[in-house]
Amino acid sequence: MEKSTSSGTPQFVVCIKNADYPASLELHKIYRVVRDDEAKANGDLRVVDESGEDYLYPASCFIAIELPHAVEESLLHAS
């Protein structure tokens, strides 16, 4: 079962495709998802990318993951 927010949006994803965004997304890296219901309805996810800012990307670039609580807490509190 994937960890998600109350809207059903996963909190963390792994990048599985970055061909169109090689400077912004690293393959196999964990990214934090920012809730954006409109983006989700359009097939996108808002993620905090390599710039440290959140941007929209196609949801097909990611797979939702569930992390151990300690790892999730660490990632949520990382700067």
N, C-alpha and C. Protein backbone atom coordinates (compact mmCIF):
# COMPACT_ATOMS: atom_id res chain seq x y z
N MET A 1 0.84 -1.18 0.00
CA MET A 1 0.00 0.00 0.00
C MET A 1 0.89 1.24 0.00
N GLU A 2 0.60 2.20 -0.87
CA GLU A 2 1.44 3.39 -0.96
C GLU A 2 1.04 4.43 0.07
N LYS A 3 2.01 5.12 0.60
CA LYS A 3 1.77 6.20 1.55
C LYS A 3 1.25 7.38 0.76
N SER A 4 0.16 7.99 1.20
CA SER A 4 -0.39 9.11 0.46
C SER A 4 -1.00 10.13 1.40
N THR A 5 -1.26 11.30 0.86
CA THR A 5 -1.93 12.34 1.61
C THR A 5 -3.42 12.01 1.61
N SER A 6 -4.19 12.82 2.30
CA SER A 6 -5.63 12.57 2.37
C SER A 6 -6.30 12.65 1.00
N SER A 7 -5.66 13.30 0.04
CA SER A 7 -6.23 13.40 -1.31
C SER A 7 -5.89 12.19 -2.17
N GLY A 8 -5.10 11.26 -1.62
CA GLY A 8 -4.68 10.11 -2.41
C GLY A 8 -3.40 10.35 -3.18
N THR A 9 -2.79 11.52 -3.00
CA THR A 9 -1.53 11.84 -3.67
C THR A 9 -0.38 11.26 -2.85
N PRO A 10 0.53 10.52 -3.48
CA PRO A 10 1.66 9.98 -2.72
C PRO A 10 2.54 11.11 -2.20
N GLN A 11 3.20 10.87 -1.06
CA GLN A 11 4.10 11.88 -0.52
C GLN A 11 5.49 11.79 -1.15
N PHE A 12 5.86 10.58 -1.58
CA PHE A 12 7.18 10.39 -2.17
C PHE A 12 7.08 9.51 -3.40
N VAL A 13 7.92 9.82 -4.38
CA VAL A 13 7.96 9.07 -5.62
C VAL A 13 9.42 8.85 -6.01
N VAL A 14 9.65 7.88 -6.88
CA VAL A 14 10.97 7.64 -7.46
C VAL A 14 10.88 7.96 -8.94
N CYS A 15 11.88 8.67 -9.45
CA CYS A 15 11.93 9.00 -10.87
C CYS A 15 12.32 7.76 -11.68
N ILE A 16 11.48 7.42 -12.66
CA ILE A 16 11.78 6.27 -13.53
C ILE A 16 12.02 6.69 -14.98
N LYS A 17 11.74 7.97 -15.31
CA LYS A 17 11.95 8.50 -16.66
C LYS A 17 12.34 9.96 -16.55
N ASN A 18 13.45 10.34 -17.17
CA ASN A 18 13.84 11.75 -17.13
C ASN A 18 14.33 12.26 -18.49
N ALA A 19 14.07 11.54 -19.56
CA ALA A 19 14.60 11.90 -20.88
C ALA A 19 14.28 13.34 -21.27
N ASP A 20 13.11 13.82 -20.92
CA ASP A 20 12.73 15.19 -21.28
C ASP A 20 13.17 16.22 -20.24
N TYR A 21 13.70 15.75 -19.10
CA TYR A 21 14.05 16.65 -18.00
C TYR A 21 15.38 16.26 -17.33
N PRO A 22 16.44 16.00 -18.10
CA PRO A 22 17.67 15.49 -17.48
C PRO A 22 18.34 16.45 -16.50
N ALA A 23 18.15 17.74 -16.66
CA ALA A 23 18.76 18.70 -15.73
C ALA A 23 17.92 18.88 -14.46
N SER A 24 16.65 18.48 -14.52
CA SER A 24 15.74 18.72 -13.40
C SER A 24 15.46 17.49 -12.56
N LEU A 25 15.54 16.30 -13.19
CA LEU A 25 15.21 15.06 -12.49
C LEU A 25 16.33 14.04 -12.67
N GLU A 26 16.67 13.36 -11.59
CA GLU A 26 17.67 12.29 -11.64
C GLU A 26 16.95 10.94 -11.58
N LEU A 27 17.33 10.03 -12.48
CA LEU A 27 16.76 8.69 -12.44
C LEU A 27 17.02 8.04 -11.09
N HIS A 28 16.05 7.31 -10.62
CA HIS A 28 16.12 6.50 -9.41
C HIS A 28 16.21 7.32 -8.12
N LYS A 29 16.03 8.62 -8.19
CA LYS A 29 16.08 9.47 -7.01
C LYS A 29 14.68 9.61 -6.42
N ILE A 30 14.62 9.73 -5.10
CA ILE A 30 13.35 9.95 -4.39
C ILE A 30 13.05 11.44 -4.41
N TYR A 31 11.80 11.77 -4.75
CA TYR A 31 11.33 13.15 -4.75
C TYR A 31 10.10 13.29 -3.88
N ARG A 32 9.99 14.44 -3.23
CA ARG A 32 8.80 14.75 -2.42
C ARG A 32 7.72 15.35 -3.32
N VAL A 33 6.50 14.90 -3.11
CA VAL A 33 5.35 15.39 -3.88
C VAL A 33 4.65 16.48 -3.09
N VAL A 34 4.28 17.55 -3.79
CA VAL A 34 3.50 18.63 -3.20
C VAL A 34 2.07 18.46 -3.71
N ARG A 35 1.12 18.46 -2.79
CA ARG A 35 -0.28 18.25 -3.17
C ARG A 35 -0.74 19.33 -4.16
N ASP A 36 -1.31 18.87 -5.26
CA ASP A 36 -1.86 19.76 -6.28
C ASP A 36 -2.94 18.95 -7.00
N ASP A 37 -4.17 19.09 -6.54
CA ASP A 37 -5.27 18.29 -7.07
C ASP A 37 -5.54 18.56 -8.54
N GLU A 38 -5.38 19.79 -8.98
CA GLU A 38 -5.60 20.13 -10.39
C GLU A 38 -4.56 19.45 -11.28
N ALA A 39 -3.31 19.47 -10.84
CA ALA A 39 -2.23 18.81 -11.59
C ALA A 39 -2.51 17.32 -11.68
N LYS A 40 -2.89 16.72 -10.55
CA LYS A 40 -3.18 15.29 -10.52
C LYS A 40 -4.30 14.94 -11.50
N ALA A 41 -5.33 15.77 -11.54
CA ALA A 41 -6.46 15.55 -12.46
C ALA A 41 -6.02 15.61 -13.91
N ASN A 42 -4.93 16.34 -14.18
CA ASN A 42 -4.40 16.46 -15.54
C ASN A 42 -3.30 15.45 -15.84
N GLY A 43 -3.05 14.51 -14.91
CA GLY A 43 -2.03 13.48 -15.14
C GLY A 43 -0.62 13.91 -14.80
N ASP A 44 -0.51 14.96 -13.99
CA ASP A 44 0.81 15.47 -13.59
C ASP A 44 1.00 15.34 -12.09
N LEU A 45 2.25 15.49 -11.67
CA LEU A 45 2.59 15.56 -10.25
C LEU A 45 3.43 16.81 -10.05
N ARG A 46 3.23 17.46 -8.91
CA ARG A 46 4.08 18.59 -8.53
C ARG A 46 5.12 18.04 -7.57
N VAL A 47 6.38 18.06 -7.99
CA VAL A 47 7.45 17.52 -7.16
C VAL A 47 8.53 18.58 -6.93
N VAL A 48 9.22 18.44 -5.81
CA VAL A 48 10.36 19.31 -5.51
C VAL A 48 11.55 18.70 -6.24
N ASP A 49 12.03 19.39 -7.29
CA ASP A 49 13.07 18.84 -8.15
C ASP A 49 14.46 19.28 -7.72
N GLU A 50 15.43 19.11 -8.61
CA GLU A 50 16.84 19.42 -8.30
C GLU A 50 17.09 20.89 -8.00
N SER A 51 16.19 21.77 -8.43
CA SER A 51 16.34 23.20 -8.15
C SER A 51 15.95 23.53 -6.71
N GLY A 52 15.26 22.59 -6.06
CA GLY A 52 14.77 22.85 -4.71
C GLY A 52 13.39 23.47 -4.70
N GLU A 53 12.86 23.72 -5.88
CA GLU A 53 11.52 24.30 -6.03
C GLU A 53 10.57 23.23 -6.54
N ASP A 54 9.26 23.45 -6.38
CA ASP A 54 8.30 22.48 -6.89
C ASP A 54 7.83 22.87 -8.29
N TYR A 55 7.79 21.87 -9.16
CA TYR A 55 7.36 22.05 -10.55
C TYR A 55 6.51 20.87 -10.97
N LEU A 56 5.73 21.07 -12.02
CA LEU A 56 4.88 20.01 -12.56
C LEU A 56 5.65 19.14 -13.54
N TYR A 57 5.44 17.83 -13.41
CA TYR A 57 6.01 16.85 -14.33
C TYR A 57 4.94 15.79 -14.61
N PRO A 58 5.04 15.11 -15.75
CA PRO A 58 4.09 14.03 -16.02
C PRO A 58 4.20 12.95 -14.95
N ALA A 59 3.07 12.50 -14.46
CA ALA A 59 3.06 11.45 -13.43
C ALA A 59 3.74 10.18 -13.93
N SER A 60 3.77 9.99 -15.24
CA SER A 60 4.39 8.79 -15.82
C SER A 60 5.90 8.74 -15.62
N CYS A 61 6.49 9.84 -15.16
CA CYS A 61 7.93 9.87 -14.89
C CYS A 61 8.27 9.27 -13.52
N PHE A 62 7.25 8.92 -12.74
CA PHE A 62 7.47 8.52 -11.35
C PHE A 62 6.66 7.28 -10.97
N ILE A 63 7.13 6.64 -9.91
CA ILE A 63 6.39 5.57 -9.25
C ILE A 63 6.30 5.95 -7.78
N ALA A 64 5.09 5.88 -7.22
CA ALA A 64 4.88 6.19 -5.81
C ALA A 64 5.52 5.10 -4.95
N ILE A 65 6.10 5.53 -3.83
CA ILE A 65 6.73 4.57 -2.92
C ILE A 65 6.29 4.83 -1.49
N GLU A 66 6.38 3.80 -0.68
CA GLU A 66 6.15 3.93 0.75
C GLU A 66 7.51 3.77 1.43
N LEU A 67 7.79 4.68 2.32
CA LEU A 67 9.08 4.68 3.02
C LEU A 67 8.89 4.35 4.49
N PRO A 68 9.91 3.79 5.13
CA PRO A 68 9.85 3.61 6.58
C PRO A 68 9.65 4.98 7.23
N HIS A 69 8.93 5.01 8.34
CA HIS A 69 8.59 6.27 9.00
C HIS A 69 9.82 7.14 9.28
N ALA A 70 10.89 6.55 9.76
CA ALA A 70 12.10 7.32 10.09
C ALA A 70 12.69 7.98 8.85
N VAL A 71 12.68 7.29 7.72
CA VAL A 71 13.21 7.86 6.47
C VAL A 71 12.30 8.98 6.00
N GLU A 72 11.00 8.75 6.05
CA GLU A 72 10.04 9.78 5.64
C GLU A 72 10.21 11.05 6.47
N GLU A 73 10.31 10.91 7.78
CA GLU A 73 10.51 12.06 8.66
C GLU A 73 11.80 12.79 8.31
N SER A 74 12.85 12.06 8.07
CA SER A 74 14.13 12.66 7.72
C SER A 74 14.03 13.46 6.43
N LEU A 75 13.38 12.90 5.41
CA LEU A 75 13.23 13.60 4.14
C LEU A 75 12.33 14.82 4.25
N LEU A 76 11.29 14.71 5.04
CA LEU A 76 10.37 15.86 5.21
C LEU A 76 11.03 17.01 5.94
N HIS A 77 12.02 16.72 6.76
CA HIS A 77 12.68 17.78 7.53
C HIS A 77 14.02 18.21 6.93
N ALA A 78 14.40 17.62 5.80
CA ALA A 78 15.65 18.01 5.14
C ALA A 78 15.47 19.36 4.47
N SER A 79 16.53 20.13 4.43
CA SER A 79 16.43 21.44 3.77
C SER A 79 16.83 21.35 2.34
